[in-house]
Each structure stands twice: as C-alpha cells, then as structure tokens.
C-alpha cells in the first residue's frame, strides 16, 4: 500500500475473475449463473472502509452475441471487498480480468488512542 502524507492509503490490484472458455463454464455457454463474486483482501487494512474503483482490464467475448457487462465493488470493509462481475441475456464471455484501486484513511504513527 502506498501512503500519502501518512493519512491516506492507496491499494491496487489486477485480478482474473474467471476463465470459462476452456471448461465450458456458465459465462461461456450463456446458461446458468450470470454473476461471479471474487473476494479481494487488502494486504494491509485501512482504518475505515475505503472508496474502491473497478474497471475491466481484459475481456474476451463471443462475437456472435451482444456484449453486456457490469462490474462493481460490493461489501467494502477496511480489510477488503467483493469484486462482482455480471452479465445477462445471450452474452457469452470467455474470460474477464479486472483492475481495482482503493483509496482511504490509514493509521498513522502519529495517531494516538487514549484508553
């Protein structure tokens, strides 16, 4: 985690959410569960839940269907969050990789906790 001025921390990552083309997974066949949840744990905890930004860094989709995607951070805590990818309709997706950045308050050596 990078710390700015001792009070703000920035954590970031890039995670493969799924690869369904090799084994005929639900996202690639277009049938079944159309949501994938990937838990993300921060290497170092924030002192309160941070703001989290998510984006697609790779998507491999079928060219014969409409491309539909929704990606977001849910259940954000000071120690992590759920990276959630959704699609719907006839969309077929082979694989997805997502980048994320969390920005929030961190503990500082100058912070005091009295009793």
Protein backbone atom coordinates (compact mmCIF):
# COMPACT_ATOMS: atom_id res chain seq x y z
CA UNK A 1 0.00 0.00 0.00
CA UNK A 2 1.22 3.50 -0.83
CA UNK A 3 0.69 6.10 1.86
CA UNK A 4 0.26 9.80 1.15
CA UNK A 5 1.09 12.16 3.97
CA UNK A 6 0.63 9.32 6.44
CA UNK A 7 -3.16 9.70 6.44
CA UNK A 8 -4.32 8.36 3.05
CA UNK A 9 -3.53 4.94 1.62
CA UNK A 10 -3.83 3.61 -1.93
CA UNK A 11 -4.02 -0.11 -2.67
CA UNK A 12 -4.44 -1.57 -6.13
CA UNK A 13 -4.62 -4.88 -7.91
CA UNK A 14 -5.43 -6.70 -11.13
CA UNK A 15 -7.28 -10.00 -10.79
CA UNK A 16 -8.59 -12.64 -13.18
CA UNK A 17 -12.23 -13.08 -12.22
CA UNK A 18 -12.87 -16.15 -14.38
CA UNK A 19 -11.75 -18.14 -17.43
CA UNK A 20 -14.72 -20.19 -18.64
CA UNK A 21 -13.85 -20.95 -22.27
CA UNK A 22 -11.64 -23.97 -21.56
CA UNK A 23 -14.07 -25.93 -19.42
CA UNK A 24 -17.45 -24.84 -20.80
CA UNK A 25 -18.26 -22.65 -17.80
CA UNK A 26 -21.54 -20.81 -17.35
CA UNK A 27 -20.34 -17.44 -18.62
CA UNK A 28 -19.08 -19.01 -21.86
CA UNK A 29 -22.12 -21.21 -22.52
CA UNK A 30 -24.52 -18.37 -21.68
CA UNK A 31 -26.56 -20.59 -19.38
CA UNK A 32 -26.70 -20.72 -15.60
CA UNK A 33 -25.36 -18.22 -13.07
CA UNK A 34 -24.57 -14.89 -14.72
CA UNK A 35 -22.76 -13.41 -11.74
CA UNK A 36 -19.26 -14.07 -10.38
CA UNK A 37 -18.09 -12.77 -7.00
CA UNK A 38 -14.36 -12.68 -6.25
CA UNK A 39 -13.34 -11.73 -2.70
CA UNK A 40 -10.39 -9.31 -2.54
CA UNK A 41 -8.38 -8.96 0.68
CA UNK A 42 -6.13 -5.91 1.12
CA UNK A 43 -2.51 -6.67 2.05
CA UNK A 44 -2.82 -4.01 4.73
CA UNK A 45 -6.05 -2.87 6.35
CA UNK A 46 -7.40 0.65 6.06
CA UNK A 47 -8.59 2.40 9.23
CA UNK A 48 -12.10 2.71 7.70
CA UNK A 49 -13.72 1.36 4.53
CA UNK A 50 -12.04 2.98 1.50
CA UNK A 51 -13.53 4.13 -1.78
CA UNK A 52 -12.99 1.43 -4.43
CA UNK A 53 -12.88 1.90 -8.20
CA UNK A 54 -13.12 -1.13 -10.54
CA UNK A 55 -12.52 -1.44 -14.28
CA UNK A 56 -12.18 -4.16 -16.90
CA UNK A 57 -8.57 -4.69 -18.00
CA UNK A 58 -9.28 -7.70 -20.23
CA UNK A 59 -12.46 -9.11 -21.67
CA UNK A 60 -12.65 -11.91 -24.15
CA UNK A 61 -16.17 -12.20 -25.55
CA UNK A 62 -18.04 -14.09 -28.24
CA UNK A 63 -18.52 -12.00 -31.39
CA UNK A 64 -21.91 -13.53 -32.27
CA UNK A 65 -23.77 -12.16 -29.23
CA UNK A 66 -24.37 -8.77 -27.62
CA UNK A 67 -21.72 -7.63 -25.18
CA UNK A 68 -23.16 -6.76 -21.76
CA UNK A 69 -21.14 -6.21 -18.61
CA UNK A 70 -21.47 -4.76 -15.14
CA UNK A 71 -18.56 -4.64 -12.70
CA UNK A 72 -18.54 -3.16 -9.22
CA UNK A 73 -17.20 -3.37 -5.68
CA UNK A 74 -19.66 -4.58 -3.04
CA UNK A 75 -19.45 -5.26 0.70
CA UNK A 76 -16.49 -2.89 1.14
CA UNK A 77 -14.79 -3.09 4.55
CA UNK A 78 -11.46 -1.87 5.92
CA UNK A 79 -9.91 -5.28 5.08
CA UNK A 80 -11.35 -6.00 1.62
CA UNK A 81 -14.34 -6.15 -0.70
CA UNK A 82 -16.20 -8.35 -3.17
CA UNK A 83 -15.34 -7.75 -6.83
CA UNK A 84 -18.60 -8.54 -8.67
CA UNK A 85 -18.99 -9.15 -12.40
CA UNK A 86 -22.41 -9.62 -14.01
CA UNK A 87 -23.74 -10.19 -17.49
CA UNK A 88 -27.18 -11.07 -18.83
CA UNK A 89 -29.13 -12.11 -21.90
CA UNK A 90 -27.31 -14.11 -24.58
CA UNK A 91 -23.85 -12.63 -23.85
CA UNK A 92 -21.05 -15.21 -23.87
CA UNK A 93 -17.82 -14.33 -22.12
CA UNK A 94 -14.68 -16.44 -22.21
CA UNK A 95 -12.66 -14.58 -19.58
CA UNK A 96 -12.54 -11.38 -17.58
CA UNK A 97 -9.72 -9.60 -15.75
CA UNK A 98 -10.41 -6.54 -13.62
CA UNK A 99 -8.30 -3.80 -12.14
CA UNK A 100 -9.20 -2.07 -8.90
CA UNK A 101 -7.95 0.80 -6.77
CA UNK A 102 -8.89 1.52 -3.17
CA UNK A 103 -8.27 4.93 -1.61
CA UNK A 104 -8.98 5.61 2.03
CA UNK A 105 -7.78 6.52 5.51
CA UNK A 106 -4.92 4.61 7.11
CA UNK A 107 -3.41 4.52 10.56
CA UNK A 108 -0.54 6.88 11.14
CA UNK A 109 2.35 6.57 13.59
CA UNK A 110 1.26 9.95 14.97
CA UNK A 111 -2.28 8.73 15.75
CA UNK A 112 -2.95 8.32 19.43
CA UNK A 113 -5.57 6.16 21.01
CA UNK A 114 -6.33 7.06 24.58
CA UNK A 115 -7.89 4.34 26.69
